[in-house]
Amino acid sequence: MATETSYNPAYDDYTSNEYPPDWDGRRKAVLTRDGYTCQSCGVKSTRVDDVYFDVDHIVAKSDGGGHQLSNLQTLCPTCHADKHAGNGKLERRARDWERRNTRSLTWRVLRVLLVVPVLFNLLTSSPESITDEYGREIELTPVGSLPTLPTDHGVSTDVRVATLWNSSSSSVQQVGLFAPVDSDRDDDVTLIRFVVWADNGLRRLHENERYRLIGGRTNEYDGDAQLVLDGQSEIQPFGDN
């Protein structure tokens, strides 16, 4: 069966037991509409999560539910498995989701058993890790390390907004420069250009305020490192963490 990459309303009343040919585009439309946020528990999926969210039929297909966008919702794997209790595949995905972004047991045992933990940290050179309110373990990369990362790399970091610029583009919500979160001045620190794409439900940033950014994406602008924030990103006021 031929597939279509964009949502096509002509398939709203698709009657086959299979998914409609535009399912990939339909799924993306629902995720975007819902802001990549579980409509049951409120947790948001970002590009630094290892397990993707599901698009669920509110009224099941077996009960006569259709593929209309109004009958589709975003659910995290845990809530999806809870809704369809006894579905082994969904339960396995839920377990994977609940273990997302966590270090392996082997890593944790070695971390405890090493006689000189400081030496271990130096050898692994891992970013700081924090656990958020949803139990998600997140690695925070310092702003100064962002230029060393490859492009299209998912990253989380704490920042201070050093500068905001005006943009004439309707696709840009905000653009400017980030500084390290612990800095008070813009000289002698690494500054990273950023862009926040519009129409993604992201909060607006304010100069000299501090934020935790989850699931940004690295790329380049005129040869320099840039951090992109979009629908798969999350912006949290730093004081809320």
Protein backbone atom coordinates (compact mmCIF):
# COMPACT_ATOMS: atom_id res chain seq x y z
CA MET A 1 0.00 0.00 0.00
CA ALA A 2 1.31 3.44 -0.94
CA THR A 3 1.98 5.79 1.97
CA GLU A 4 1.64 9.56 2.23
CA THR A 5 3.93 11.68 4.36
CA SER A 6 1.43 14.47 5.11
CA TYR A 7 -1.93 14.41 6.85
CA ASN A 8 -4.76 14.00 4.32
CA PRO A 9 -8.35 14.67 5.56
CA ALA A 10 -9.63 12.34 2.85
CA TYR A 11 -8.62 9.43 5.09
CA ASP A 12 -10.60 10.60 8.15
CA ASP A 13 -13.25 7.98 7.39
CA TYR A 14 -10.83 5.25 6.34
CA THR A 15 -12.66 1.99 7.08
CA SER A 16 -9.94 -0.63 6.69
CA ASN A 17 -8.66 -2.43 9.77
CA GLU A 18 -5.22 -1.21 8.75
CA TYR A 19 -3.90 2.27 9.47
CA PRO A 20 -4.60 4.85 6.74
CA PRO A 21 -1.88 5.54 4.15
CA ASP A 22 -1.21 8.96 5.69
CA TRP A 23 -0.67 7.58 9.22
CA ASP A 24 2.88 8.92 9.57
CA GLY A 25 1.72 12.42 8.65
CA ARG A 26 -1.43 12.04 10.75
CA ARG A 27 0.64 10.91 13.74
CA LYS A 28 2.98 13.89 13.36
CA ALA A 29 0.00 16.26 13.15
CA VAL A 30 -1.38 14.92 16.45
CA LEU A 31 1.99 15.08 18.23
CA THR A 32 2.48 18.66 17.04
CA ARG A 33 -1.06 19.67 18.01
CA ASP A 34 -0.57 18.20 21.49
CA GLY A 35 2.88 19.76 21.89
CA TYR A 36 4.48 16.31 22.25
CA THR A 37 2.74 16.15 25.65
CA CYS A 38 0.91 13.16 27.12
CA GLN A 39 -2.76 14.07 27.33
CA SER A 40 -3.19 11.89 30.43
CA CYS A 41 -0.30 12.65 32.81
CA GLY A 42 1.17 15.82 31.25
CA VAL A 43 4.75 14.63 30.74
CA LYS A 44 6.40 16.02 27.60
CA SER A 45 8.48 14.02 25.15
CA THR A 46 11.68 15.68 23.99
CA ARG A 47 14.38 14.58 21.56
CA VAL A 48 16.62 13.49 24.45
CA ASP A 49 14.16 10.77 25.47
CA ASP A 50 14.98 7.29 24.19
CA VAL A 51 11.37 6.12 23.70
CA TYR A 52 8.88 7.92 21.47
CA PHE A 53 5.31 8.76 22.45
CA ASP A 54 2.28 7.00 21.02
CA VAL A 55 -0.75 8.32 19.16
CA ASP A 56 -3.81 6.56 20.57
CA HIS A 57 -7.39 6.21 19.35
CA ILE A 58 -9.58 7.71 22.10
CA VAL A 59 -12.43 5.46 21.00
CA ALA A 60 -10.74 2.22 19.92
CA LYS A 61 -11.00 1.10 16.32
CA SER A 62 -12.59 -2.13 17.55
CA ASP A 63 -15.35 -0.06 19.16
CA GLY A 64 -16.04 1.93 16.00
CA GLY A 65 -13.58 4.76 16.55
CA GLY A 66 -12.23 6.46 13.43
CA HIS A 67 -8.96 8.05 12.44
CA GLN A 68 -10.19 11.66 12.67
CA LEU A 69 -7.77 13.95 14.46
CA SER A 70 -10.48 14.58 17.07
CA ASN A 71 -10.35 10.87 17.98
CA LEU A 72 -6.56 10.77 18.31
CA GLN A 73 -4.44 11.78 21.29
CA THR A 74 -0.83 11.73 22.39
CA LEU A 75 -0.02 9.32 25.24
CA CYS A 76 3.26 8.42 26.89
CA PRO A 77 4.01 4.68 26.84
CA THR A 78 3.05 4.28 30.51
CA CYS A 79 -0.38 5.85 30.12
CA HIS A 80 -0.94 3.98 26.85
CA ALA A 81 -0.17 0.67 28.56
CA ASP A 82 -2.43 1.57 31.49
CA LYS A 83 -5.29 2.26 29.09
CA HIS A 84 -4.82 -1.10 27.33
CA ALA A 85 -4.03 -3.33 30.32
CA GLY A 86 -2.72 -6.76 29.38
CA ASN A 87 -1.17 -5.68 26.06
CA GLY A 88 2.31 -7.19 26.33
CA LYS A 89 3.85 -5.04 23.60
CA LEU A 90 2.67 -1.81 25.21
CA GLU A 91 3.79 -3.00 28.65
CA ARG A 92 7.30 -3.67 27.33
CA ARG A 93 7.43 -0.19 25.79
CA ALA A 94 6.25 1.26 29.10
CA ARG A 95 9.08 -0.48 30.94
CA ASP A 96 11.57 0.86 28.40
CA TRP A 97 10.11 4.34 28.84
CA GLU A 98 10.36 4.18 32.63
CA ARG A 99 14.03 3.20 32.31
CA ARG A 100 14.73 5.88 29.70
CA ASN A 101 17.94 7.86 29.91
CA THR A 102 19.09 5.94 32.99
CA ARG A 103 22.57 4.56 33.22
CA SER A 104 23.06 0.81 33.17
CA LEU A 105 23.35 -1.22 36.37
CA THR A 106 26.95 -2.06 35.45
CA TRP A 107 27.83 1.63 35.25
CA ARG A 108 26.21 2.30 38.63
CA VAL A 109 28.00 -0.61 40.36
CA LEU A 110 31.37 0.47 38.99
CA ARG A 111 30.64 4.03 40.05
CA VAL A 112 30.08 2.89 43.66
CA LEU A 113 32.94 0.38 43.85
CA LEU A 114 35.73 2.56 42.50
CA VAL A 115 38.07 3.61 45.25
CA VAL A 116 38.65 7.08 43.78
CA PRO A 117 35.31 8.40 42.44
CA VAL A 118 36.91 11.65 41.37
CA LEU A 119 39.28 9.78 39.06
CA PHE A 120 36.32 7.89 37.60
CA ASN A 121 34.56 11.16 36.84
CA LEU A 122 37.64 12.46 35.09
CA LEU A 123 37.92 9.31 32.98
CA THR A 124 34.28 9.26 31.94
CA SER A 125 33.96 13.05 31.47
CA SER A 126 30.19 12.70 31.64
CA PRO A 127 27.93 15.76 31.93
CA GLU A 128 26.06 16.43 35.15
CA SER A 129 22.91 14.33 35.51
CA ILE A 130 19.69 15.38 37.24
CA THR A 131 16.36 13.61 37.74
CA ASP A 132 13.25 15.64 36.98
CA GLU A 133 9.77 15.45 38.52
CA TYR A 134 8.78 12.66 36.12
CA GLY A 135 11.72 10.44 37.05
CA ARG A 136 13.53 11.25 33.83
CA GLU A 137 17.32 11.28 34.16
CA ILE A 138 18.70 14.17 32.12
CA GLU A 139 22.31 14.91 31.27
CA LEU A 140 23.09 18.63 31.39
CA THR A 141 25.82 19.80 29.03
CA PRO A 142 27.59 23.06 29.93
CA VAL A 143 27.06 25.90 27.44
CA GLY A 144 30.80 26.04 26.83
CA SER A 145 30.78 22.45 25.54
CA LEU A 146 28.00 22.94 22.97
CA PRO A 147 30.35 24.03 20.13
CA THR A 148 32.15 20.67 20.41
CA LEU A 149 29.00 18.62 19.78
CA PRO A 150 28.02 17.35 16.32
CA THR A 151 25.10 18.95 14.51
CA ASP A 152 21.57 17.54 14.97
CA HIS A 153 22.52 16.40 18.47
CA GLY A 154 19.86 16.42 21.19
CA VAL A 155 21.07 18.28 24.25
CA SER A 156 19.90 19.73 27.56
CA THR A 157 21.61 22.64 29.28
CA ASP A 158 21.19 25.42 31.85
CA VAL A 159 21.57 28.94 30.45
CA ARG A 160 21.31 32.64 31.08
CA VAL A 161 19.80 34.75 28.28
CA ALA A 162 22.56 37.22 27.46
CA THR A 163 20.96 39.02 24.50
CA LEU A 164 17.68 39.01 22.58
CA TRP A 165 17.50 40.30 19.01
CA ASN A 166 14.55 41.37 16.93
CA SER A 167 13.54 39.06 14.08
CA SER A 168 11.35 39.93 11.10
CA SER A 169 10.64 36.26 10.35
CA SER A 170 7.18 34.98 11.30
CA SER A 171 8.66 31.50 11.82
CA VAL A 172 10.98 32.75 14.58
CA GLN A 173 9.63 33.35 18.07
CA GLN A 174 12.92 34.59 19.51
CA VAL A 175 16.60 34.70 18.65
CA GLY A 176 19.65 35.79 20.61
CA LEU A 177 22.63 34.60 22.63
CA PHE A 178 22.88 32.23 25.60
CA ALA A 179 25.58 32.47 28.28
CA PRO A 180 26.52 29.94 30.98
CA VAL A 181 23.93 29.82 33.72
CA ASP A 182 26.44 30.76 36.45
CA SER A 183 27.74 33.84 34.61
CA ASP A 184 26.82 37.45 35.40
CA ARG A 185 28.78 39.12 32.60
CA ASP A 186 29.05 38.42 28.88
CA ASP A 187 32.80 38.96 28.54
CA ASP A 188 35.23 36.06 28.95
CA VAL A 189 32.47 33.43 28.62
CA THR A 190 31.26 31.30 25.73
CA LEU A 191 28.14 32.74 24.10
CA ILE A 192 25.94 30.49 21.95
CA ARG A 193 23.48 31.73 19.35
CA PHE A 194 19.98 30.32 19.72
CA VAL A 195 16.68 30.37 17.87
CA VAL A 196 13.23 29.48 19.23
CA TRP A 197 10.88 28.48 16.41
CA ALA A 198 7.37 29.93 16.59
CA ASP A 199 4.05 28.11 17.04
CA ASN A 200 5.41 25.39 19.32
CA GLY A 201 3.88 26.54 22.59
CA LEU A 202 7.25 27.34 24.14
CA ARG A 203 7.45 30.03 26.84
CA ARG A 204 9.05 33.35 25.94
CA LEU A 205 12.54 34.09 27.22
CA HIS A 206 13.66 37.29 28.96
CA GLU A 207 17.11 38.85 29.04
CA ASN A 208 19.28 37.98 32.05
CA GLU A 209 16.79 35.34 33.19
CA ARG A 210 17.97 31.76 33.70
CA TYR A 211 16.37 28.65 32.21
CA ARG A 212 16.77 24.88 31.96
CA LEU A 213 16.45 23.75 28.35
CA ILE A 214 15.49 20.13 27.67
CA GLY A 215 15.83 18.58 24.23
CA GLY A 216 17.41 21.38 22.23
CA ARG A 217 19.07 20.57 18.92
CA THR A 218 22.54 21.64 17.84
CA ASN A 219 23.20 23.00 14.38
CA GLU A 220 25.24 25.73 12.71
CA TYR A 221 24.52 29.27 11.57
CA ASP A 222 27.10 30.99 9.37
CA GLY A 223 29.66 28.43 10.54
CA ASP A 224 29.08 28.97 14.27
CA ALA A 225 27.34 26.69 16.74
CA GLN A 226 23.64 27.33 17.32
CA LEU A 227 21.03 25.81 19.63
CA VAL A 228 17.54 25.28 18.19
CA LEU A 229 14.43 25.04 20.39
CA ASP A 230 11.25 23.66 18.81
CA GLY A 231 8.27 21.41 19.47
CA GLN A 232 10.51 18.64 20.80
CA SER A 233 12.13 20.97 23.32
CA GLU A 234 11.08 22.17 26.76
CA ILE A 235 11.91 25.46 28.47
CA GLN A 236 11.75 25.59 32.28
CA PRO A 237 12.50 28.61 34.47
CA PHE A 238 15.71 27.77 36.29
CA GLY A 239 14.27 28.59 39.70
CA ASP A 240 11.57 25.93 39.25
CA ASN A 241 14.07 23.05 39.15
